[in-house]
């Protein structure tokens, strides 16, 4: 039997009813906004994951971000995360159905060794490893925890001509978190950003799930 977008949420009928009710509340309480319908699906899923309506004002999506993300997923792109928590939250079955492969190098021995030798961070070296292995071009890069990872991706785009399909930049924190997102907004690469200090792996997962659901709708 062919799956519908609702089936891909892997929920019971009651679970889908509760989620749909939550989205109806979000739509009613959020009020007017300037997001396109696909972009709003991304933003409201972030609000749903956090119960924080401030993200309506914090989220920035480049005009081509949703389309680039959906196209990349449907094309079987690599998904590169700064921390394993992001990969743990993703719908593996749906990613595999597109041929997508997930990667997180943060705990690799060579990454740890390079960080120690270079006086950098594991997050920086993990993105450098993704670049060395030729995984960045055409990939979706999701950063939810480490601002240094996002700053390194931005540097790779600026200085080494890395060309990810989409960068999801939502690291949380007080040191360089806001600055790393502003650096991303200045790049030509499609991006989805939560400005300021707020963010986290949960938000990165919510964004990727929204893109996965949009990709399912595009094929239904």
N, C-alpha and C. Protein backbone atom coordinates (compact mmCIF):
# COMPACT_ATOMS: atom_id res chain seq x y z
N UNK A 1 0.85 -1.20 0.00
CA UNK A 1 0.00 0.00 0.00
C UNK A 1 0.88 1.25 0.00
N UNK A 2 0.52 2.22 -0.84
CA UNK A 2 1.30 3.45 -0.91
C UNK A 2 1.11 4.27 0.35
N UNK A 3 2.19 4.82 0.84
CA UNK A 3 2.13 5.62 2.06
C UNK A 3 1.70 7.04 1.74
N UNK A 4 0.97 7.62 2.66
CA UNK A 4 0.57 9.02 2.56
C UNK A 4 1.49 9.84 3.44
N UNK A 5 1.46 11.19 3.31
CA UNK A 5 2.27 12.01 4.21
C UNK A 5 1.99 11.73 5.68
N UNK A 6 0.71 11.49 6.05
CA UNK A 6 0.40 11.21 7.45
C UNK A 6 1.05 9.91 7.90
N UNK A 7 1.09 8.90 6.99
CA UNK A 7 1.71 7.64 7.37
C UNK A 7 3.17 7.84 7.74
N UNK A 8 3.85 8.78 7.05
CA UNK A 8 5.26 8.98 7.30
C UNK A 8 5.52 9.57 8.67
N UNK A 9 4.50 10.07 9.34
CA UNK A 9 4.69 10.56 10.70
C UNK A 9 4.75 9.42 11.70
N UNK A 10 4.47 8.19 11.23
CA UNK A 10 4.58 7.00 12.06
C UNK A 10 3.76 7.12 13.34
N UNK A 11 2.54 7.64 13.21
CA UNK A 11 1.68 7.85 14.37
C UNK A 11 0.41 7.02 14.26
N UNK A 12 -0.20 6.80 15.41
CA UNK A 12 -1.54 6.23 15.42
C UNK A 12 -2.54 7.32 15.02
N UNK A 13 -3.77 6.92 14.79
CA UNK A 13 -4.80 7.90 14.43
C UNK A 13 -4.97 8.94 15.53
N UNK A 14 -4.94 8.48 16.80
CA UNK A 14 -5.07 9.41 17.92
C UNK A 14 -3.88 10.37 17.96
N UNK A 15 -2.67 9.83 17.75
CA UNK A 15 -1.49 10.68 17.76
C UNK A 15 -1.54 11.74 16.68
N UNK A 16 -1.99 11.36 15.48
CA UNK A 16 -2.12 12.34 14.40
C UNK A 16 -3.15 13.39 14.75
N UNK A 17 -4.24 12.98 15.40
CA UNK A 17 -5.28 13.92 15.79
C UNK A 17 -4.74 14.94 16.79
N UNK A 18 -3.93 14.48 17.74
CA UNK A 18 -3.34 15.38 18.73
C UNK A 18 -2.38 16.36 18.07
N UNK A 19 -1.53 15.84 17.16
CA UNK A 19 -0.59 16.72 16.49
C UNK A 19 -1.32 17.74 15.62
N UNK A 20 -2.32 17.29 14.88
CA UNK A 20 -3.09 18.23 14.05
C UNK A 20 -3.77 19.29 14.90
N UNK A 21 -4.25 18.89 16.07
CA UNK A 21 -4.85 19.86 16.98
C UNK A 21 -3.84 20.88 17.47
N UNK A 22 -2.62 20.41 17.73
CA UNK A 22 -1.56 21.31 18.16
C UNK A 22 -1.24 22.33 17.07
N UNK A 23 -1.17 21.87 15.84
CA UNK A 23 -0.88 22.78 14.74
C UNK A 23 -2.00 23.79 14.55
N UNK A 24 -3.24 23.37 14.76
CA UNK A 24 -4.36 24.30 14.65
C UNK A 24 -4.26 25.40 15.71
N UNK A 25 -3.86 25.02 16.91
CA UNK A 25 -3.67 26.01 17.98
C UNK A 25 -2.55 26.97 17.62
N UNK A 26 -1.44 26.43 17.10
CA UNK A 26 -0.32 27.27 16.71
C UNK A 26 -0.74 28.26 15.63
N UNK A 27 -1.45 27.77 14.62
CA UNK A 27 -1.90 28.66 13.54
C UNK A 27 -2.78 29.78 14.09
N UNK A 28 -3.67 29.44 15.03
CA UNK A 28 -4.59 30.44 15.57
C UNK A 28 -3.86 31.46 16.44
N UNK A 29 -2.94 30.99 17.28
CA UNK A 29 -2.27 31.89 18.21
C UNK A 29 -1.14 32.68 17.56
N UNK A 30 -0.54 32.13 16.51
CA UNK A 30 0.57 32.83 15.85
C UNK A 30 0.07 34.05 15.09
N UNK A 31 -1.14 33.96 14.56
CA UNK A 31 -1.68 35.09 13.83
C UNK A 31 -1.03 35.29 12.48
N UNK A 32 -1.11 36.50 11.97
CA UNK A 32 -0.61 36.81 10.63
C UNK A 32 0.91 36.71 10.58
N UNK A 33 1.42 36.32 9.43
CA UNK A 33 2.86 36.23 9.21
C UNK A 33 3.13 36.35 7.73
N UNK A 34 4.40 36.48 7.37
CA UNK A 34 4.78 36.68 5.98
C UNK A 34 5.46 35.46 5.37
N UNK A 35 5.43 34.34 6.08
CA UNK A 35 6.05 33.12 5.55
C UNK A 35 5.18 32.53 4.44
N UNK A 36 5.82 31.95 3.44
CA UNK A 36 5.09 31.19 2.43
C UNK A 36 4.53 29.94 3.09
N UNK A 37 3.50 29.30 2.50
CA UNK A 37 2.96 28.08 3.12
C UNK A 37 4.01 27.01 3.41
N UNK A 38 4.93 26.69 2.47
CA UNK A 38 5.95 25.68 2.82
C UNK A 38 6.88 26.15 3.94
N UNK A 39 7.28 27.42 3.91
CA UNK A 39 8.16 27.93 4.97
C UNK A 39 7.44 27.90 6.32
N UNK A 40 6.16 28.21 6.33
CA UNK A 40 5.40 28.18 7.58
C UNK A 40 5.33 26.76 8.14
N UNK A 41 5.27 25.76 7.28
CA UNK A 41 5.29 24.39 7.79
C UNK A 41 6.57 24.12 8.57
N UNK A 42 7.66 24.69 8.12
CA UNK A 42 8.93 24.54 8.84
C UNK A 42 8.89 25.30 10.16
N UNK A 43 8.47 26.55 10.11
CA UNK A 43 8.49 27.40 11.30
C UNK A 43 7.52 26.87 12.36
N UNK A 44 6.33 26.48 11.96
CA UNK A 44 5.38 26.04 12.97
C UNK A 44 5.78 24.71 13.58
N UNK A 45 6.54 23.88 12.84
CA UNK A 45 7.03 22.64 13.46
C UNK A 45 8.10 22.96 14.50
N UNK A 46 8.87 24.02 14.29
CA UNK A 46 9.81 24.47 15.31
C UNK A 46 9.05 24.96 16.55
N UNK A 47 8.00 25.73 16.32
CA UNK A 47 7.18 26.19 17.44
C UNK A 47 6.55 25.01 18.16
N UNK A 48 6.10 24.03 17.39
CA UNK A 48 5.49 22.83 17.98
C UNK A 48 6.50 22.09 18.86
N UNK A 49 7.76 22.03 18.42
CA UNK A 49 8.78 21.30 19.17
C UNK A 49 9.22 22.02 20.43
N UNK A 50 9.00 23.34 20.49
CA UNK A 50 9.52 24.13 21.60
C UNK A 50 8.44 24.81 22.45
N UNK A 51 7.21 24.88 21.93
CA UNK A 51 6.14 25.66 22.57
C UNK A 51 6.56 27.11 22.77
N UNK A 52 7.36 27.61 21.86
CA UNK A 52 7.92 28.96 21.98
C UNK A 52 7.57 29.75 20.72
N UNK A 53 6.62 30.68 20.86
CA UNK A 53 6.18 31.46 19.71
C UNK A 53 7.20 32.52 19.30
N UNK A 54 8.23 32.72 20.09
CA UNK A 54 9.26 33.68 19.70
C UNK A 54 9.96 33.25 18.42
N UNK A 55 9.94 31.96 18.15
CA UNK A 55 10.60 31.48 16.92
C UNK A 55 9.91 32.00 15.66
N UNK A 56 8.68 32.43 15.78
CA UNK A 56 8.03 33.06 14.63
C UNK A 56 8.82 34.28 14.18
N UNK A 57 9.41 35.00 15.11
CA UNK A 57 10.20 36.19 14.80
C UNK A 57 11.67 35.88 14.57
N UNK A 58 12.15 34.78 15.13
CA UNK A 58 13.57 34.46 15.04
C UNK A 58 13.95 33.72 13.76
N UNK A 59 13.02 32.96 13.19
CA UNK A 59 13.35 32.11 12.06
C UNK A 59 13.56 32.92 10.79
N UNK A 60 14.62 32.60 10.08
CA UNK A 60 14.91 33.18 8.79
C UNK A 60 15.18 32.05 7.80
N UNK A 61 14.47 32.09 6.68
CA UNK A 61 14.67 31.10 5.63
C UNK A 61 14.99 31.84 4.34
N UNK A 62 16.11 31.52 3.72
CA UNK A 62 16.41 32.14 2.44
C UNK A 62 15.32 31.71 1.45
N UNK A 63 15.07 32.52 0.43
CA UNK A 63 13.94 32.25 -0.47
C UNK A 63 13.96 30.86 -1.09
N UNK A 64 15.15 30.32 -1.32
CA UNK A 64 15.26 29.01 -1.96
C UNK A 64 15.51 27.87 -0.98
N UNK A 65 15.42 28.14 0.32
CA UNK A 65 15.83 27.15 1.32
C UNK A 65 14.96 25.90 1.30
N UNK A 66 13.64 26.06 1.34
CA UNK A 66 12.76 24.89 1.40
C UNK A 66 12.88 24.07 0.12
N UNK A 67 12.84 24.73 -1.02
CA UNK A 67 12.97 24.00 -2.28
C UNK A 67 14.28 23.27 -2.39
N UNK A 68 15.38 23.92 -1.95
CA UNK A 68 16.69 23.29 -2.01
C UNK A 68 16.76 22.08 -1.10
N UNK A 69 16.17 22.21 0.11
CA UNK A 69 16.19 21.09 1.04
C UNK A 69 15.38 19.91 0.55
N UNK A 70 14.19 20.18 0.04
CA UNK A 70 13.33 19.11 -0.48
C UNK A 70 14.00 18.42 -1.67
N UNK A 71 14.54 19.19 -2.59
CA UNK A 71 15.21 18.61 -3.76
C UNK A 71 16.40 17.76 -3.35
N UNK A 72 17.16 18.24 -2.37
CA UNK A 72 18.33 17.49 -1.92
C UNK A 72 17.91 16.16 -1.30
N UNK A 73 16.89 16.19 -0.45
CA UNK A 73 16.43 14.95 0.18
C UNK A 73 15.91 13.97 -0.86
N UNK A 74 15.10 14.44 -1.78
CA UNK A 74 14.55 13.56 -2.79
C UNK A 74 15.63 13.02 -3.73
N UNK A 75 16.75 13.74 -3.80
CA UNK A 75 17.86 13.28 -4.61
C UNK A 75 18.84 12.37 -3.89
N UNK A 76 18.54 12.04 -2.63
CA UNK A 76 19.39 11.12 -1.88
C UNK A 76 20.67 11.75 -1.35
N UNK A 77 20.56 12.97 -0.83
CA UNK A 77 21.75 13.70 -0.37
C UNK A 77 22.34 13.11 0.91
N UNK A 78 23.56 13.51 1.20
CA UNK A 78 24.15 13.25 2.51
C UNK A 78 23.58 14.26 3.50
N UNK A 79 23.37 13.81 4.73
CA UNK A 79 22.93 14.67 5.82
C UNK A 79 24.05 14.65 6.86
N UNK A 80 24.64 15.81 7.10
CA UNK A 80 25.79 15.91 7.99
C UNK A 80 25.39 16.71 9.22
N UNK A 81 25.54 16.13 10.40
CA UNK A 81 25.13 16.77 11.64
C UNK A 81 26.34 17.03 12.52
N UNK A 82 26.22 18.08 13.35
CA UNK A 82 27.33 18.38 14.25
C UNK A 82 27.32 17.45 15.46
N UNK A 83 26.15 16.95 15.86
CA UNK A 83 26.07 16.05 17.01
C UNK A 83 25.15 14.86 16.70
N UNK A 84 25.41 13.76 17.38
CA UNK A 84 24.65 12.54 17.12
C UNK A 84 23.19 12.66 17.53
N UNK A 85 22.89 13.58 18.44
CA UNK A 85 21.51 13.75 18.89
C UNK A 85 20.58 14.08 17.72
N UNK A 86 21.09 14.83 16.75
CA UNK A 86 20.27 15.16 15.59
C UNK A 86 19.94 13.89 14.81
N UNK A 87 20.94 13.08 14.55
CA UNK A 87 20.71 11.86 13.77
C UNK A 87 19.77 10.91 14.50
N UNK A 88 19.87 10.88 15.83
CA UNK A 88 19.01 9.99 16.61
C UNK A 88 17.54 10.36 16.49
N UNK A 89 17.26 11.63 16.21
CA UNK A 89 15.87 12.08 16.14
C UNK A 89 15.25 11.98 14.77
N UNK A 90 16.02 11.62 13.74
CA UNK A 90 15.50 11.64 12.38
C UNK A 90 14.76 10.37 12.01
N UNK A 91 13.91 10.49 11.01
CA UNK A 91 13.15 9.36 10.48
C UNK A 91 14.04 8.57 9.53
N UNK A 92 14.71 7.55 10.07
CA UNK A 92 15.67 6.79 9.27
C UNK A 92 15.01 6.11 8.08
N UNK A 93 13.80 5.60 8.28
CA UNK A 93 13.12 4.89 7.20
C UNK A 93 12.88 5.79 6.00
N UNK A 94 12.45 7.02 6.29
CA UNK A 94 12.18 7.93 5.18
C UNK A 94 13.47 8.36 4.49
N UNK A 95 14.50 8.63 5.26
CA UNK A 95 15.79 9.00 4.67
C UNK A 95 16.32 7.87 3.79
N UNK A 96 16.22 6.64 4.28
CA UNK A 96 16.70 5.49 3.51
C UNK A 96 15.89 5.30 2.23
N UNK A 97 14.60 5.63 2.27
CA UNK A 97 13.77 5.45 1.08
C UNK A 97 14.22 6.36 -0.06
N UNK A 98 14.86 7.48 0.29
CA UNK A 98 15.40 8.39 -0.72
C UNK A 98 16.85 8.07 -1.06
N UNK A 99 17.48 7.20 -0.27
CA UNK A 99 18.89 6.92 -0.48
C UNK A 99 19.81 7.87 0.26
N UNK A 100 19.26 8.65 1.20
CA UNK A 100 20.08 9.59 1.98
C UNK A 100 20.93 8.84 2.99
N UNK A 101 22.14 9.34 3.21
CA UNK A 101 23.03 8.77 4.21
C UNK A 101 23.35 9.85 5.24
N UNK A 102 23.41 9.46 6.50
CA UNK A 102 23.67 10.41 7.58
C UNK A 102 25.08 10.24 8.12
N UNK A 103 25.65 11.36 8.57
CA UNK A 103 27.03 11.36 9.06
C UNK A 103 27.16 12.30 10.26
N UNK A 104 27.92 11.86 11.24
CA UNK A 104 28.34 12.71 12.34
C UNK A 104 29.72 12.23 12.77
N UNK A 105 30.72 13.11 12.64
CA UNK A 105 32.10 12.73 12.88
C UNK A 105 32.63 13.22 14.22
N UNK A 106 31.78 13.79 15.05
CA UNK A 106 32.21 14.48 16.26
C UNK A 106 33.00 13.59 17.22
N UNK A 107 32.72 12.28 17.22
CA UNK A 107 33.39 11.37 18.16
C UNK A 107 34.44 10.50 17.52
N UNK A 108 34.75 10.74 16.24
CA UNK A 108 35.77 9.94 15.56
C UNK A 108 37.15 10.21 16.15
N UNK A 109 37.94 9.15 16.27
CA UNK A 109 39.26 9.29 16.89
C UNK A 109 40.14 10.28 16.14
N UNK A 110 40.10 10.27 14.80
CA UNK A 110 40.95 11.18 14.04
C UNK A 110 40.50 12.63 14.22
N UNK A 111 39.20 12.84 14.39
CA UNK A 111 38.68 14.18 14.63
C UNK A 111 39.14 14.70 15.99
N UNK A 112 39.07 13.85 16.99
CA UNK A 112 39.52 14.24 18.33
C UNK A 112 41.01 14.55 18.31
N UNK A 113 41.78 13.71 17.61
CA UNK A 113 43.21 13.93 17.52
C UNK A 113 43.55 15.24 16.82
N UNK A 114 42.86 15.54 15.72
CA UNK A 114 43.11 16.79 15.00
C UNK A 114 42.75 18.00 15.85
N UNK A 115 41.67 17.90 16.60
CA UNK A 115 41.27 19.02 17.46
C UNK A 115 42.34 19.31 18.51
N UNK A 116 42.92 18.25 19.07
CA UNK A 116 43.96 18.43 20.07
C UNK A 116 45.23 19.01 19.44
N UNK A 117 45.61 18.50 18.29
CA UNK A 117 46.83 18.97 17.63
C UNK A 117 46.70 20.42 17.17
N UNK A 118 45.53 20.78 16.69
CA UNK A 118 45.33 22.11 16.11
C UNK A 118 44.84 23.14 17.11
N UNK A 119 44.54 22.71 18.33
CA UNK A 119 43.99 23.64 19.31
C UNK A 119 42.64 24.18 18.89
N UNK A 120 41.87 23.35 18.18
CA UNK A 120 40.54 23.77 17.71
C UNK A 120 39.48 23.03 18.51
N UNK A 121 38.35 22.75 17.90
CA UNK A 121 37.30 21.98 18.57
C UNK A 121 36.96 20.76 17.72
N UNK A 122 36.37 19.77 18.36
CA UNK A 122 35.93 18.59 17.62
C UNK A 122 34.89 18.97 16.57
N UNK A 123 34.06 19.96 16.88
CA UNK A 123 33.02 20.38 15.94
C UNK A 123 33.66 20.96 14.68
N UNK A 124 34.69 21.78 14.83
CA UNK A 124 35.40 22.32 13.67
C UNK A 124 36.00 21.20 12.84
N UNK A 125 36.72 20.32 13.50
CA UNK A 125 37.41 19.25 12.77
C UNK A 125 36.43 18.27 12.13
N UNK A 126 35.27 18.11 12.73
CA UNK A 126 34.28 17.20 12.11
C UNK A 126 33.80 17.75 10.78
N UNK A 127 33.62 19.07 10.69
CA UNK A 127 33.21 19.66 9.42
C UNK A 127 34.35 19.64 8.41
N UNK A 128 35.57 19.81 8.87
CA UNK A 128 36.73 19.69 7.98
C UNK A 128 36.83 18.26 7.43
N UNK A 129 36.54 17.29 8.26
CA UNK A 129 36.58 15.91 7.78
C UNK A 129 35.49 15.68 6.72
N UNK A 130 34.32 16.21 6.95
CA UNK A 130 33.25 16.08 5.95
C UNK A 130 33.69 16.68 4.62
N UNK A 131 34.40 17.81 4.68
CA UNK A 131 34.90 18.44 3.46
C UNK A 131 35.97 17.58 2.80
N UNK A 132 36.90 17.05 3.60
CA UNK A 132 37.97 16.21 3.04
C UNK A 132 37.41 14.98 2.34
N UNK A 133 36.35 14.44 2.89
CA UNK A 133 35.77 13.22 2.32
C UNK A 133 34.79 13.52 1.18
N UNK A 134 34.70 14.79 0.81
CA UNK A 134 33.86 15.14 -0.33
C UNK A 134 32.38 15.03 -0.08
N UNK A 135 31.96 15.22 1.16
CA UNK A 135 30.55 15.02 1.52
C UNK A 135 29.74 16.31 1.57
N UNK A 136 30.40 17.45 1.59
CA UNK A 136 29.68 18.71 1.80
C UNK A 136 28.88 19.15 0.58
N UNK A 137 29.47 19.02 -0.60
CA UNK A 137 28.79 19.51 -1.79
C UNK A 137 27.49 18.75 -2.02
N UNK A 138 26.39 19.48 -2.11
CA UNK A 138 25.08 18.87 -2.33
C UNK A 138 24.43 18.32 -1.08
N UNK A 139 25.09 18.47 0.07
CA UNK A 139 24.58 17.91 1.32
C UNK A 139 23.67 18.89 2.05
N UNK A 140 22.91 18.35 2.99
CA UNK A 140 22.25 19.17 3.99
C UNK A 140 23.10 19.10 5.25
N UNK A 141 23.56 20.25 5.71
CA UNK A 141 24.36 20.34 6.93
C UNK A 141 23.47 20.89 8.04
N UNK A 142 23.36 20.15 9.13
CA UNK A 142 22.50 20.55 10.24
C UNK A 142 23.34 20.76 11.49
N UNK A 143 23.35 22.00 11.98
CA UNK A 143 24.12 22.34 13.18
C UNK A 143 23.15 22.83 14.25
N UNK A 144 23.04 22.08 15.34
CA UNK A 144 22.11 22.43 16.39
C UNK A 144 22.77 22.69 17.74
N UNK A 145 24.06 22.41 17.82
CA UNK A 145 24.72 22.49 19.12
C UNK A 145 25.96 23.38 19.14
N UNK A 146 26.79 23.26 18.12
CA UNK A 146 28.13 23.87 18.18
C UNK A 146 28.27 25.05 17.22
N UNK A 147 28.31 26.27 17.75
CA UNK A 147 28.54 27.43 16.87
C UNK A 147 29.85 27.33 16.08
N UNK A 148 30.87 26.71 16.67
CA UNK A 148 32.14 26.60 15.93
C UNK A 148 31.99 25.75 14.68
N UNK A 149 31.10 24.77 14.71
CA UNK A 149 30.84 23.97 13.51
C UNK A 149 30.23 24.83 12.43
N UNK A 150 29.29 25.69 12.81
CA UNK A 150 28.62 26.54 11.83
C UNK A 150 29.60 27.58 11.26
N UNK A 151 30.43 28.15 12.11
CA UNK A 151 31.43 29.09 11.64
C UNK A 151 32.40 28.43 10.67
N UNK A 152 32.74 27.17 10.93
CA UNK A 152 33.65 26.46 10.03
C UNK A 152 32.98 26.16 8.70
N UNK A 153 31.73 25.78 8.72
CA UNK A 153 31.02 25.55 7.46
C UNK A 153 30.96 26.84 6.65
N UNK A 154 30.69 27.95 7.32
CA UNK A 154 30.67 29.24 6.63
C UNK A 154 32.04 29.55 6.02
N UNK A 155 33.10 29.25 6.75
CA UNK A 155 34.45 29.48 6.21
C UNK A 155 34.71 28.58 5.00
N UNK A 156 34.30 27.33 5.08
CA UNK A 156 34.51 26.41 3.97
C UNK A 156 33.78 26.88 2.72
N UNK A 157 32.60 27.47 2.91
CA UNK A 157 31.86 28.01 1.77
C UNK A 157 32.60 29.22 1.19
N UNK A 158 33.03 30.11 2.07
CA UNK A 158 33.67 31.35 1.61
C UNK A 158 35.04 31.12 1.00
N UNK A 159 35.86 30.30 1.66
CA UNK A 159 37.27 30.21 1.30
C UNK A 159 37.62 28.98 0.47
N UNK A 160 36.83 27.91 0.57
CA UNK A 160 37.19 26.68 -0.12
C UNK A 160 36.11 26.21 -1.09
N UNK A 161 35.17 27.09 -1.37
CA UNK A 161 34.14 26.83 -2.39
C UNK A 161 33.30 25.60 -2.10
N UNK A 162 33.10 25.29 -0.82
CA UNK A 162 32.17 24.21 -0.48
C UNK A 162 30.76 24.64 -0.89
N UNK A 163 29.97 23.70 -1.37
CA UNK A 163 28.64 24.03 -1.88
C UNK A 163 27.57 23.08 -1.32
N UNK A 164 27.25 23.21 -0.03
CA UNK A 164 26.12 22.42 0.48
C UNK A 164 24.83 22.83 -0.22
N UNK A 165 23.89 21.90 -0.29
CA UNK A 165 22.58 22.24 -0.85
C UNK A 165 21.81 23.14 0.10
N UNK A 166 21.95 22.88 1.40
CA UNK A 166 21.23 23.63 2.43
C UNK A 166 22.01 23.55 3.73
N UNK A 167 22.06 24.67 4.44
CA UNK A 167 22.64 24.68 5.78
C UNK A 167 21.54 25.05 6.77
N UNK A 168 21.32 24.19 7.75
CA UNK A 168 20.40 24.45 8.85
C UNK A 168 21.25 24.89 10.03
N UNK A 169 21.20 26.19 10.33
CA UNK A 169 22.07 26.74 11.37
C UNK A 169 21.27 27.19 12.58
N UNK A 170 21.16 26.32 13.58
CA UNK A 170 20.38 26.65 14.77
C UNK A 170 21.11 26.29 16.06
N UNK A 171 22.43 26.57 16.16
CA UNK A 171 23.11 26.23 17.41
C UNK A 171 22.62 27.10 18.56
N UNK A 172 22.59 26.51 19.73
CA UNK A 172 22.15 27.20 20.93
C UNK A 172 23.37 27.62 21.74
N UNK A 173 23.29 28.74 22.44
CA UNK A 173 24.39 29.07 23.33
C UNK A 173 24.63 30.56 23.48
N UNK A 174 25.68 30.87 24.24
CA UNK A 174 26.01 32.25 24.58
C UNK A 174 27.28 32.74 23.91
N UNK A 175 28.18 31.82 23.56
CA UNK A 175 29.44 32.21 22.94
C UNK A 175 29.38 31.88 21.45
N UNK A 176 29.29 32.92 20.63
CA UNK A 176 29.35 32.82 19.17
C UNK A 176 28.12 32.21 18.51
N UNK A 177 27.09 31.88 19.29
CA UNK A 177 25.90 31.28 18.67
C UNK A 177 25.22 32.27 17.74
N UNK A 178 24.90 33.45 18.25
CA UNK A 178 24.23 34.44 17.41
C UNK A 178 25.12 34.87 16.26
N UNK A 179 26.41 35.05 16.53
CA UNK A 179 27.34 35.50 15.50
C UNK A 179 27.48 34.48 14.38
N UNK A 180 27.49 33.21 14.71
CA UNK A 180 27.64 32.18 13.69
C UNK A 180 26.45 32.18 12.73
N UNK A 181 25.28 32.46 13.26
CA UNK A 181 24.09 32.49 12.40
C UNK A 181 24.11 33.70 11.48
N UNK A 182 24.57 34.84 12.00
CA UNK A 182 24.66 36.02 11.16
C UNK A 182 25.68 35.81 10.04
N UNK A 183 26.75 35.08 10.33
CA UNK A 183 27.74 34.77 9.30
C UNK A 183 27.12 33.93 8.20
N UNK A 184 26.24 33.03 8.60
CA UNK A 184 25.58 32.16 7.62
C UNK A 184 24.64 32.96 6.72
N UNK A 185 23.95 33.93 7.30
CA UNK A 185 22.99 34.71 6.52
C UNK A 185 23.66 35.54 5.44
N UNK A 186 24.95 35.76 5.56
CA UNK A 186 25.67 36.53 4.56
C UNK A 186 26.20 35.71 3.40
N UNK A 187 25.92 34.42 3.39
CA UNK A 187 26.42 33.54 2.34
C UNK A 187 25.39 33.34 1.24
N UNK A 188 25.83 32.92 0.05
CA UNK A 188 24.89 32.64 -1.03
C UNK A 188 24.20 31.28 -0.88
N UNK A 189 24.65 30.47 0.04
CA UNK A 189 24.09 29.12 0.22
C UNK A 189 22.70 29.19 0.83
N UNK A 190 21.73 28.42 0.32
CA UNK A 190 20.41 28.35 0.96
C UNK A 190 20.55 27.97 2.43
N UNK A 191 19.78 28.63 3.28
CA UNK A 191 19.93 28.37 4.71
C UNK A 191 18.62 28.58 5.45
N UNK A 192 18.55 27.93 6.60
CA UNK A 192 17.46 28.11 7.56
C UNK A 192 18.13 28.39 8.90
N UNK A 193 17.77 29.51 9.51
CA UNK A 193 18.48 30.00 10.69
C UNK A 193 17.46 30.42 11.75
N UNK A 194 17.83 30.19 13.02
CA UNK A 194 17.11 30.78 14.16
C UNK A 194 18.03 31.83 14.75
N UNK A 195 17.73 33.09 14.53
CA UNK A 195 18.63 34.15 14.95
C UNK A 195 18.71 34.25 16.47
N UNK A 196 19.82 34.77 16.95
CA UNK A 196 19.99 34.96 18.37
C UNK A 196 20.58 33.74 19.07
N UNK A 197 20.37 33.68 20.37
CA UNK A 197 20.97 32.62 21.19
C UNK A 197 20.18 31.32 21.19
N UNK A 198 18.90 31.40 20.88
CA UNK A 198 18.07 30.21 20.98
C UNK A 198 18.34 29.25 19.84
N UNK A 199 18.14 27.96 20.13
CA UNK A 199 18.35 26.94 19.12
C UNK A 199 18.42 25.58 19.78
N UNK A 200 19.14 24.66 19.16
CA UNK A 200 19.31 23.34 19.74
C UNK A 200 19.06 22.23 18.75
N UNK A 201 19.50 21.04 19.12
CA UNK A 201 19.36 19.87 18.25
C UNK A 201 17.90 19.54 17.98
N UNK A 202 17.04 19.74 18.99
CA UNK A 202 15.62 19.47 18.80
C UNK A 202 15.05 20.32 17.67
N UNK A 203 15.50 21.55 17.57
CA UNK A 203 15.02 22.44 16.52
C UNK A 203 15.54 22.00 15.17
N UNK A 204 16.80 21.59 15.11
CA UNK A 204 17.34 21.08 13.85
C UNK A 204 16.55 19.86 13.38
N UNK A 205 16.21 18.97 14.30
CA UNK A 205 15.42 17.80 13.95
C UNK A 205 14.04 18.21 13.44
N UNK A 206 13.41 19.17 14.12
CA UNK A 206 12.08 19.62 13.70
C UNK A 206 12.12 20.18 12.27
N UNK A 207 13.15 20.93 11.95
CA UNK A 207 13.29 21.50 10.62
C UNK A 207 13.46 20.40 9.58
N UNK A 208 14.32 19.43 9.87
CA UNK A 208 14.54 18.35 8.92
C UNK A 208 13.29 17.50 8.74
N UNK A 209 12.55 17.28 9.81
CA UNK A 209 11.29 16.53 9.69
C UNK A 209 10.28 17.29 8.84
N UNK A 210 10.22 18.59 9.00
CA UNK A 210 9.32 19.39 8.17
C UNK A 210 9.70 19.23 6.70
N UNK A 211 10.99 19.27 6.40
CA UNK A 211 11.43 19.11 5.02
C UNK A 211 11.13 17.71 4.50
N UNK A 212 11.27 16.71 5.35
CA UNK A 212 10.93 15.34 4.94
C UNK A 212 9.45 15.21 4.63
N UNK A 213 8.60 15.82 5.45
CA UNK A 213 7.16 15.76 5.18
C UNK A 213 6.81 16.52 3.91
N UNK A 214 7.45 17.65 3.68
CA UNK A 214 7.23 18.39 2.45
C UNK A 214 7.70 17.59 1.24
N UNK A 215 8.78 16.84 1.40
CA UNK A 215 9.25 16.03 0.30
C UNK A 215 8.27 14.90 0.00
N UNK A 216 7.64 14.37 1.04
CA UNK A 216 6.64 13.32 0.86
C UNK A 216 5.42 13.88 0.13
N UNK A 217 4.99 15.06 0.53
CA UNK A 217 3.83 15.68 -0.13
C UNK A 217 4.12 15.95 -1.60
N UNK A 218 5.39 16.26 -1.89
CA UNK A 218 5.75 16.57 -3.28
C UNK A 218 5.66 15.34 -4.17
N UNK A 219 5.70 14.14 -3.57
CA UNK A 219 5.65 12.92 -4.36
C UNK A 219 4.28 12.25 -4.30
N UNK A 220 3.35 12.79 -3.51
CA UNK A 220 2.05 12.14 -3.33
C UNK A 220 1.08 12.54 -4.42
